[in-house]
N, C-alpha and C. Protein backbone atom coordinates (compact mmCIF):
# COMPACT_ATOMS: atom_id res chain seq x y z
N MET A 1 112.51 95.59 51.24
CA MET A 1 113.76 94.98 51.59
C MET A 1 113.98 95.10 53.13
N ALA A 2 114.53 94.09 53.79
CA ALA A 2 114.81 94.08 55.14
C ALA A 2 115.95 95.07 55.52
N PHE A 3 115.90 95.54 56.68
CA PHE A 3 116.96 96.42 57.19
C PHE A 3 118.23 95.68 57.35
N ARG A 4 119.36 96.25 56.99
CA ARG A 4 120.70 95.64 57.16
C ARG A 4 121.62 96.83 57.72
N ILE A 5 122.47 96.50 58.65
CA ILE A 5 123.43 97.44 59.13
C ILE A 5 124.62 97.31 58.21
N GLY A 6 125.04 98.34 57.64
CA GLY A 6 126.12 98.35 56.67
C GLY A 6 127.27 99.16 57.13
N PRO A 7 128.33 99.26 56.32
CA PRO A 7 129.59 99.96 56.63
C PRO A 7 129.36 101.47 57.07
N SER A 8 128.47 102.17 56.48
CA SER A 8 128.19 103.50 56.91
C SER A 8 127.64 103.60 58.37
N GLU A 9 126.76 102.66 58.74
CA GLU A 9 126.22 102.62 60.09
C GLU A 9 127.32 102.29 61.04
N ILE A 10 128.20 101.35 60.61
CA ILE A 10 129.36 100.98 61.48
C ILE A 10 130.27 102.13 61.77
N ARG A 11 130.57 102.94 60.71
CA ARG A 11 131.39 104.06 60.92
C ARG A 11 130.71 105.15 61.85
N ARG A 12 129.43 105.27 61.67
CA ARG A 12 128.68 106.25 62.60
C ARG A 12 128.72 105.78 64.03
N LEU A 13 128.60 104.51 64.21
CA LEU A 13 128.65 103.92 65.51
C LEU A 13 130.02 104.09 66.16
N GLU A 14 131.06 103.87 65.31
CA GLU A 14 132.50 104.05 65.78
C GLU A 14 132.62 105.50 66.31
N ASN A 15 132.13 106.42 65.49
CA ASN A 15 132.19 107.85 65.88
C ASN A 15 131.41 108.13 67.16
N LEU A 16 130.27 107.54 67.35
CA LEU A 16 129.43 107.80 68.51
C LEU A 16 130.17 107.21 69.75
N PHE A 17 130.57 105.93 69.68
CA PHE A 17 131.06 105.25 70.84
C PHE A 17 132.56 105.65 71.16
N GLY A 18 133.25 106.17 70.08
CA GLY A 18 134.65 106.52 70.30
C GLY A 18 135.58 105.31 70.38
N VAL A 19 135.16 104.19 69.80
CA VAL A 19 136.03 102.96 69.77
C VAL A 19 135.82 102.30 68.36
N PRO A 20 136.87 101.61 67.83
CA PRO A 20 136.68 100.99 66.58
C PRO A 20 135.95 99.76 66.75
N ALA A 21 135.18 99.40 65.72
CA ALA A 21 134.52 98.11 65.64
C ALA A 21 135.54 97.07 65.23
N LYS A 22 135.35 95.88 65.81
CA LYS A 22 136.19 94.74 65.45
C LYS A 22 135.44 93.87 64.50
N SER A 23 135.93 93.74 63.32
CA SER A 23 135.25 92.84 62.36
C SER A 23 135.60 91.40 62.70
N MET A 24 134.58 90.63 62.91
CA MET A 24 134.69 89.23 63.31
C MET A 24 134.30 88.31 62.21
N GLY A 25 134.30 88.77 60.98
CA GLY A 25 133.91 87.93 59.82
C GLY A 25 132.44 88.12 59.49
N THR A 26 131.48 87.41 60.25
CA THR A 26 130.09 87.63 59.98
C THR A 26 129.48 88.67 60.84
N ASN A 27 130.22 89.24 61.78
CA ASN A 27 129.66 90.32 62.68
C ASN A 27 130.66 91.32 63.05
N TYR A 28 130.14 92.38 63.75
CA TYR A 28 131.07 93.46 64.25
C TYR A 28 130.87 93.45 65.80
N ARG A 29 131.94 93.80 66.48
CA ARG A 29 131.92 93.86 67.89
C ARG A 29 132.48 95.25 68.36
N PHE A 30 131.79 95.91 69.29
CA PHE A 30 132.23 97.04 69.98
C PHE A 30 132.41 96.72 71.39
N GLU A 31 133.46 97.19 72.04
CA GLU A 31 133.70 96.97 73.46
C GLU A 31 133.72 98.28 74.10
N LEU A 32 132.77 98.52 74.93
CA LEU A 32 132.62 99.86 75.62
C LEU A 32 133.04 99.72 77.01
N LEU A 33 133.69 100.85 77.55
CA LEU A 33 134.12 100.88 78.92
C LEU A 33 133.94 102.18 79.50
N SER A 34 133.36 102.29 80.64
CA SER A 34 133.22 103.56 81.39
C SER A 34 133.94 103.46 82.63
N GLN A 35 135.18 104.10 82.60
CA GLN A 35 135.96 104.13 83.89
C GLN A 35 135.22 104.89 84.98
N GLU A 36 134.51 105.88 84.55
CA GLU A 36 133.74 106.77 85.51
C GLU A 36 132.67 105.91 86.27
N ASN A 37 131.98 105.07 85.61
CA ASN A 37 130.85 104.27 86.20
C ASN A 37 131.30 102.81 86.62
N GLY A 38 132.49 102.40 86.11
CA GLY A 38 132.95 101.13 86.31
C GLY A 38 132.12 100.02 85.46
N ARG A 39 131.48 100.45 84.38
CA ARG A 39 130.74 99.60 83.56
C ARG A 39 131.47 99.21 82.23
N ARG A 40 131.10 98.04 81.86
CA ARG A 40 131.68 97.64 80.48
C ARG A 40 130.51 96.81 79.74
N LEU A 41 130.69 96.90 78.54
CA LEU A 41 129.59 96.33 77.62
C LEU A 41 130.15 95.90 76.37
N ALA A 42 129.66 94.84 75.82
CA ALA A 42 130.10 94.48 74.42
C ALA A 42 128.81 94.37 73.58
N LEU A 43 128.94 95.04 72.43
CA LEU A 43 127.79 95.10 71.48
C LEU A 43 128.18 94.35 70.19
N GLU A 44 127.45 93.37 69.86
CA GLU A 44 127.76 92.59 68.69
C GLU A 44 126.54 92.75 67.66
N LEU A 45 126.96 93.04 66.44
CA LEU A 45 125.97 93.29 65.35
C LEU A 45 126.20 92.24 64.25
N TYR A 46 125.16 91.50 63.98
CA TYR A 46 125.11 90.44 62.92
C TYR A 46 124.15 91.01 61.85
N PRO A 47 124.78 91.60 60.80
CA PRO A 47 123.91 92.28 59.73
C PRO A 47 123.03 91.31 58.98
N ASP A 48 123.47 90.08 58.76
CA ASP A 48 122.65 89.15 57.95
C ASP A 48 122.94 87.74 58.42
N ILE A 49 122.08 87.24 59.29
CA ILE A 49 122.31 85.89 59.93
C ILE A 49 121.07 85.07 59.86
N PRO A 50 121.19 83.85 59.77
CA PRO A 50 119.91 82.98 59.83
C PRO A 50 119.28 83.09 61.20
N ILE A 51 118.03 83.38 61.23
CA ILE A 51 117.28 83.40 62.51
C ILE A 51 116.01 82.48 62.24
N GLY A 52 116.09 81.23 62.69
CA GLY A 52 115.02 80.36 62.36
C GLY A 52 115.07 80.01 60.85
N ARG A 53 113.95 80.16 60.26
CA ARG A 53 113.79 79.90 58.83
C ARG A 53 114.08 81.12 57.98
N LYS A 54 114.25 82.29 58.56
CA LYS A 54 114.48 83.55 57.86
C LYS A 54 115.89 84.15 58.15
N ARG A 55 116.17 85.15 57.44
CA ARG A 55 117.48 85.91 57.71
C ARG A 55 117.14 87.22 58.22
N GLY A 56 118.02 87.82 59.02
CA GLY A 56 117.80 89.17 59.58
C GLY A 56 118.97 89.62 60.19
N THR A 57 118.85 90.81 60.87
CA THR A 57 119.81 91.47 61.62
C THR A 57 119.58 91.18 63.09
N LEU A 58 120.68 90.76 63.74
CA LEU A 58 120.60 90.41 65.10
C LEU A 58 121.58 91.38 65.92
N VAL A 59 121.06 91.84 67.08
CA VAL A 59 121.84 92.73 67.90
C VAL A 59 121.95 92.11 69.23
N SER A 60 123.20 91.88 69.75
CA SER A 60 123.43 91.29 71.08
C SER A 60 124.26 92.22 71.88
N VAL A 61 123.83 92.30 73.14
CA VAL A 61 124.53 93.06 74.13
C VAL A 61 124.89 92.18 75.32
N TYR A 62 126.25 92.23 75.66
CA TYR A 62 126.79 91.42 76.82
C TYR A 62 127.19 92.42 77.89
N THR A 63 126.82 92.22 79.12
CA THR A 63 127.36 93.01 80.26
C THR A 63 127.77 91.97 81.34
N ASP A 64 128.31 92.47 82.39
CA ASP A 64 128.68 91.59 83.51
C ASP A 64 127.46 90.85 84.08
N ALA A 65 126.30 91.46 83.95
CA ALA A 65 125.14 90.93 84.57
C ALA A 65 124.00 90.49 83.68
N ALA A 66 124.15 90.74 82.38
CA ALA A 66 123.03 90.41 81.43
C ALA A 66 123.46 90.11 80.02
N HIS A 67 122.67 89.31 79.31
CA HIS A 67 122.85 89.10 77.92
C HIS A 67 121.53 89.48 77.28
N LEU A 68 121.51 90.49 76.34
CA LEU A 68 120.23 90.86 75.74
C LEU A 68 120.42 90.72 74.24
N GLN A 69 119.30 90.27 73.49
CA GLN A 69 119.33 90.18 72.13
C GLN A 69 118.00 90.82 71.50
N LEU A 70 118.19 91.39 70.36
CA LEU A 70 117.10 91.90 69.58
C LEU A 70 117.18 91.17 68.19
N HIS A 71 116.18 90.36 67.94
CA HIS A 71 116.09 89.64 66.70
C HIS A 71 115.36 90.49 65.63
N PHE A 72 115.80 90.39 64.44
CA PHE A 72 115.12 91.07 63.29
C PHE A 72 115.09 92.55 63.45
N CYS A 73 116.23 93.16 63.82
CA CYS A 73 116.35 94.61 63.95
C CYS A 73 115.86 95.22 62.61
N SER A 74 114.97 96.18 62.77
CA SER A 74 114.38 96.82 61.59
C SER A 74 114.71 98.30 61.38
N GLY A 75 115.55 98.82 62.33
CA GLY A 75 115.91 100.20 62.21
C GLY A 75 116.92 100.57 63.27
N LEU A 76 117.61 101.70 63.05
CA LEU A 76 118.66 102.13 63.92
C LEU A 76 118.63 103.69 63.92
N ILE A 77 118.64 104.30 65.14
CA ILE A 77 118.76 105.71 65.32
C ILE A 77 120.00 105.96 66.11
N ILE A 78 120.95 106.77 65.54
CA ILE A 78 122.20 107.12 66.15
C ILE A 78 122.02 108.54 66.64
N SER A 79 122.11 108.86 67.90
CA SER A 79 121.97 110.17 68.39
C SER A 79 123.22 110.66 69.08
N ASP A 80 123.97 111.54 68.42
CA ASP A 80 125.17 112.16 68.99
C ASP A 80 124.85 112.97 70.18
N ASP A 81 123.70 113.71 70.05
CA ASP A 81 123.33 114.62 71.15
C ASP A 81 123.03 113.73 72.47
N LEU A 82 122.39 112.64 72.35
CA LEU A 82 122.06 111.82 73.54
C LEU A 82 123.19 110.82 73.87
N GLY A 83 124.13 110.68 72.91
CA GLY A 83 125.22 109.69 73.16
C GLY A 83 124.78 108.26 73.21
N GLU A 84 123.84 107.95 72.34
CA GLU A 84 123.25 106.54 72.36
C GLU A 84 122.78 106.11 70.99
N ALA A 85 122.71 104.90 70.82
CA ALA A 85 122.23 104.22 69.58
C ALA A 85 121.00 103.39 69.99
N THR A 86 119.92 103.59 69.29
CA THR A 86 118.63 102.84 69.53
C THR A 86 118.38 101.90 68.33
N PHE A 87 118.45 100.56 68.71
CA PHE A 87 118.12 99.58 67.74
C PHE A 87 116.68 99.15 67.99
N VAL A 88 115.83 99.08 66.93
CA VAL A 88 114.44 98.78 67.08
C VAL A 88 114.04 97.64 66.12
N GLY A 89 113.08 96.87 66.71
CA GLY A 89 112.41 95.81 65.93
C GLY A 89 110.93 95.93 66.07
N GLU A 90 110.17 95.61 65.03
CA GLU A 90 108.75 95.71 65.08
C GLU A 90 108.13 94.42 64.61
N HIS A 91 107.07 94.06 65.29
CA HIS A 91 106.28 92.82 64.81
C HIS A 91 104.82 93.13 65.28
N ARG A 92 103.93 93.18 64.32
CA ARG A 92 102.56 93.30 64.50
C ARG A 92 102.13 94.43 65.38
N GLY A 93 102.75 95.61 65.12
CA GLY A 93 102.46 96.75 65.94
C GLY A 93 103.02 96.86 67.27
N ARG A 94 103.90 95.95 67.55
CA ARG A 94 104.59 95.98 68.91
C ARG A 94 106.14 96.22 68.61
N LEU A 95 106.73 97.05 69.39
CA LEU A 95 108.07 97.48 69.24
C LEU A 95 108.98 96.89 70.34
N SER A 96 110.17 96.62 70.01
CA SER A 96 111.24 96.39 71.04
C SER A 96 112.40 97.31 70.70
N GLY A 97 112.92 97.95 71.69
CA GLY A 97 114.05 98.82 71.49
C GLY A 97 115.17 98.53 72.40
N LEU A 98 116.31 98.40 71.91
CA LEU A 98 117.55 98.16 72.60
C LEU A 98 118.39 99.47 72.45
N ILE A 99 118.61 100.11 73.62
CA ILE A 99 119.38 101.38 73.50
C ILE A 99 120.70 101.12 74.19
N VAL A 100 121.79 101.48 73.45
CA VAL A 100 123.12 101.34 73.98
C VAL A 100 123.80 102.69 74.11
N GLU A 101 124.22 102.97 75.29
CA GLU A 101 124.76 104.31 75.58
C GLU A 101 126.35 104.36 75.39
N LYS A 102 126.90 105.43 75.07
CA LYS A 102 128.30 105.61 74.89
C LYS A 102 129.01 105.33 76.22
N GLY A 103 128.39 105.54 77.36
CA GLY A 103 128.93 105.27 78.67
C GLY A 103 128.76 103.80 79.16
N ALA A 104 128.58 102.86 78.21
CA ALA A 104 128.40 101.46 78.47
C ALA A 104 127.16 101.11 79.22
N GLY A 105 126.23 101.93 79.11
CA GLY A 105 124.83 101.63 79.65
C GLY A 105 123.94 101.03 78.63
N CYS A 106 122.89 100.36 79.11
CA CYS A 106 121.97 99.66 78.18
C CYS A 106 120.57 99.64 78.71
N THR A 107 119.59 99.85 77.84
CA THR A 107 118.19 99.79 78.24
C THR A 107 117.43 99.01 77.23
N LEU A 108 116.49 98.20 77.73
CA LEU A 108 115.66 97.40 76.83
C LEU A 108 114.15 97.65 77.08
N PHE A 109 113.45 98.05 76.06
CA PHE A 109 112.06 98.13 76.18
C PHE A 109 111.45 97.11 75.18
N ALA A 110 110.58 96.23 75.63
CA ALA A 110 110.09 95.12 74.80
C ALA A 110 108.58 95.13 74.81
N ASN A 111 108.14 94.80 73.52
CA ASN A 111 106.67 94.52 73.26
C ASN A 111 105.81 95.73 73.55
N VAL A 112 106.35 96.91 73.20
CA VAL A 112 105.75 98.20 73.41
C VAL A 112 104.63 98.49 72.31
N ASP A 113 103.49 98.86 72.65
CA ASP A 113 102.42 99.19 71.66
C ASP A 113 102.82 100.36 70.86
N ARG A 114 102.95 100.19 69.59
CA ARG A 114 103.38 101.30 68.76
C ARG A 114 102.55 102.60 68.88
N SER A 115 101.26 102.44 69.15
CA SER A 115 100.34 103.54 69.21
C SER A 115 100.75 104.57 70.36
N ILE A 116 101.43 104.18 71.31
CA ILE A 116 101.75 105.15 72.40
C ILE A 116 102.96 106.09 71.99
N LEU A 117 103.57 105.82 70.82
CA LEU A 117 104.74 106.64 70.38
C LEU A 117 104.25 108.09 69.97
N SER A 118 103.03 108.11 69.45
CA SER A 118 102.61 109.36 68.87
C SER A 118 101.40 109.94 69.64
N GLY A 119 101.07 109.29 70.82
CA GLY A 119 99.96 109.75 71.61
C GLY A 119 100.38 110.84 72.64
N ASP A 120 99.53 111.19 73.50
CA ASP A 120 99.82 112.22 74.54
C ASP A 120 100.50 111.62 75.69
N PHE A 121 101.75 111.84 75.79
CA PHE A 121 102.58 111.22 76.86
C PHE A 121 102.07 111.54 78.23
N THR A 122 101.44 112.65 78.40
CA THR A 122 100.98 113.05 79.75
C THR A 122 99.74 112.21 80.21
N GLN A 123 99.10 111.47 79.29
CA GLN A 123 98.02 110.64 79.65
C GLN A 123 98.46 109.20 80.04
N LEU A 124 99.78 109.03 79.98
CA LEU A 124 100.29 107.70 80.33
C LEU A 124 100.82 107.63 81.71
N ALA A 125 100.72 106.44 82.33
CA ALA A 125 101.36 106.24 83.65
C ALA A 125 102.87 106.46 83.47
N PRO A 126 103.50 107.01 84.45
CA PRO A 126 105.02 107.29 84.34
C PRO A 126 105.74 106.08 83.99
N GLU A 127 105.42 104.89 84.40
CA GLU A 127 106.17 103.67 84.03
C GLU A 127 106.05 103.32 82.54
N VAL A 128 104.87 103.76 81.99
CA VAL A 128 104.68 103.44 80.51
C VAL A 128 105.19 104.59 79.71
N MET A 129 105.16 105.82 80.22
CA MET A 129 105.69 107.00 79.52
C MET A 129 107.06 106.94 79.15
N MET A 130 107.90 106.39 80.02
CA MET A 130 109.32 106.22 79.75
C MET A 130 109.65 105.51 78.44
N SER A 131 108.95 104.39 78.19
CA SER A 131 109.20 103.67 77.03
C SER A 131 108.70 104.39 75.74
N GLY A 132 107.59 105.08 75.84
CA GLY A 132 107.00 105.85 74.82
C GLY A 132 107.94 106.91 74.36
N VAL A 133 108.51 107.72 75.33
CA VAL A 133 109.39 108.77 75.01
C VAL A 133 110.68 108.28 74.46
N ALA A 134 111.26 107.20 74.97
CA ALA A 134 112.48 106.70 74.49
C ALA A 134 112.40 106.14 73.08
N LEU A 135 111.31 105.50 72.79
CA LEU A 135 111.15 104.87 71.51
C LEU A 135 110.52 105.77 70.45
N SER A 136 110.05 106.99 70.86
CA SER A 136 109.39 107.91 70.00
C SER A 136 110.48 108.34 68.91
N LEU A 137 111.63 108.33 69.23
CA LEU A 137 112.70 108.67 68.29
C LEU A 137 112.76 107.74 67.09
N THR A 138 112.26 106.51 67.25
CA THR A 138 112.34 105.60 66.22
C THR A 138 111.23 105.63 65.12
N GLU A 139 110.31 106.52 65.30
CA GLU A 139 109.17 106.66 64.38
C GLU A 139 109.71 107.00 62.94
N GLU A 140 110.77 107.72 62.84
CA GLU A 140 111.27 108.06 61.53
C GLU A 140 111.81 106.89 60.66
N VAL A 141 112.23 105.85 61.43
CA VAL A 141 112.77 104.67 60.70
C VAL A 141 111.79 103.56 60.59
N LEU A 142 110.65 103.53 61.25
CA LEU A 142 109.71 102.56 61.18
C LEU A 142 108.88 102.67 59.80
N GLU A 143 108.45 101.55 59.39
CA GLU A 143 107.69 101.67 58.16
C GLU A 143 106.43 102.46 58.33
N LYS A 144 106.07 103.20 57.33
CA LYS A 144 105.00 104.13 57.33
C LYS A 144 103.62 103.23 57.18
N ARG A 145 103.18 102.75 58.20
CA ARG A 145 101.96 102.00 58.09
C ARG A 145 101.31 102.07 59.55
N PRO A 146 99.97 101.95 59.53
CA PRO A 146 99.32 102.06 60.81
C PRO A 146 99.64 100.89 61.67
N ALA A 147 99.55 101.15 63.00
CA ALA A 147 99.75 100.10 63.93
C ALA A 147 98.89 98.90 63.61
N HIS A 148 99.42 97.70 63.82
CA HIS A 148 98.73 96.46 63.47
C HIS A 148 97.48 96.30 64.32
N ARG A 149 96.42 95.93 63.72
CA ARG A 149 95.25 95.58 64.49
C ARG A 149 94.82 94.13 64.34
N ARG A 150 94.75 93.46 65.43
CA ARG A 150 94.49 92.06 65.40
C ARG A 150 92.97 91.81 65.02
N LYS A 151 92.87 90.84 64.18
CA LYS A 151 91.47 90.50 63.78
C LYS A 151 90.87 89.62 65.04
N THR A 152 89.63 89.93 65.28
CA THR A 152 89.00 89.11 66.39
C THR A 152 88.14 88.06 65.78
N THR A 153 88.07 86.91 66.43
CA THR A 153 87.19 85.89 65.97
C THR A 153 86.35 85.39 67.18
N SER A 154 85.35 84.64 66.76
CA SER A 154 84.48 84.19 67.85
C SER A 154 84.93 82.79 68.47
N ARG A 155 85.98 82.24 67.71
CA ARG A 155 86.53 80.99 68.27
C ARG A 155 87.15 81.21 69.62
N LYS A 156 86.88 80.14 70.49
CA LYS A 156 87.53 80.19 71.84
C LYS A 156 88.65 79.13 71.81
N ARG A 157 89.69 79.47 72.52
CA ARG A 157 90.82 78.57 72.67
C ARG A 157 90.48 77.68 73.84
N LYS A 158 90.93 76.49 73.64
CA LYS A 158 90.89 75.51 74.80
C LYS A 158 92.25 75.54 75.55
N VAL A 159 92.16 75.65 76.75
CA VAL A 159 93.30 75.71 77.61
C VAL A 159 93.52 74.44 78.34
N ALA A 160 94.62 73.78 78.16
CA ALA A 160 94.92 72.57 78.97
C ALA A 160 95.50 72.94 80.26
N VAL A 161 94.95 72.34 81.26
CA VAL A 161 95.45 72.59 82.72
C VAL A 161 95.94 71.22 83.18
N ARG A 162 97.21 71.31 83.61
CA ARG A 162 97.81 70.11 84.22
C ARG A 162 97.94 70.33 85.74
N SER A 163 97.77 69.19 86.41
CA SER A 163 97.98 69.30 87.90
C SER A 163 99.23 68.52 88.28
């Protein structure tokens, strides 16, 4: 069964962020404001929405400078200690994580190879290590299966070049 954000997760997010969720019918909206940093952010959660030919959970974040979306969210980690919620999606061994902070901050890690989550972080370049450490919290909600391995074939793709 696909992951769905339900009433219990909404209540936990309300407690984490310290603001009530606004029920918008098919979705929930959180409006976060940090007076200290001058940041504001809107988080919208669509627990069951058509996405192409399938249905899934959609997470949208709006800031003054960006609009980020995570399609087919497959898990959620709420950390009171860190003051953040991590929404994760996985496809063929690649992860995307959208982290929303209580202080109206937001971080996106996209297309991260799942195998780095349980590896030796000290062997990674610092730029790569950050995503591995941040998304390692999501291992507990990811399906218990090995990272996807792509089958290799001897077929070559033809690439069209236009001038």
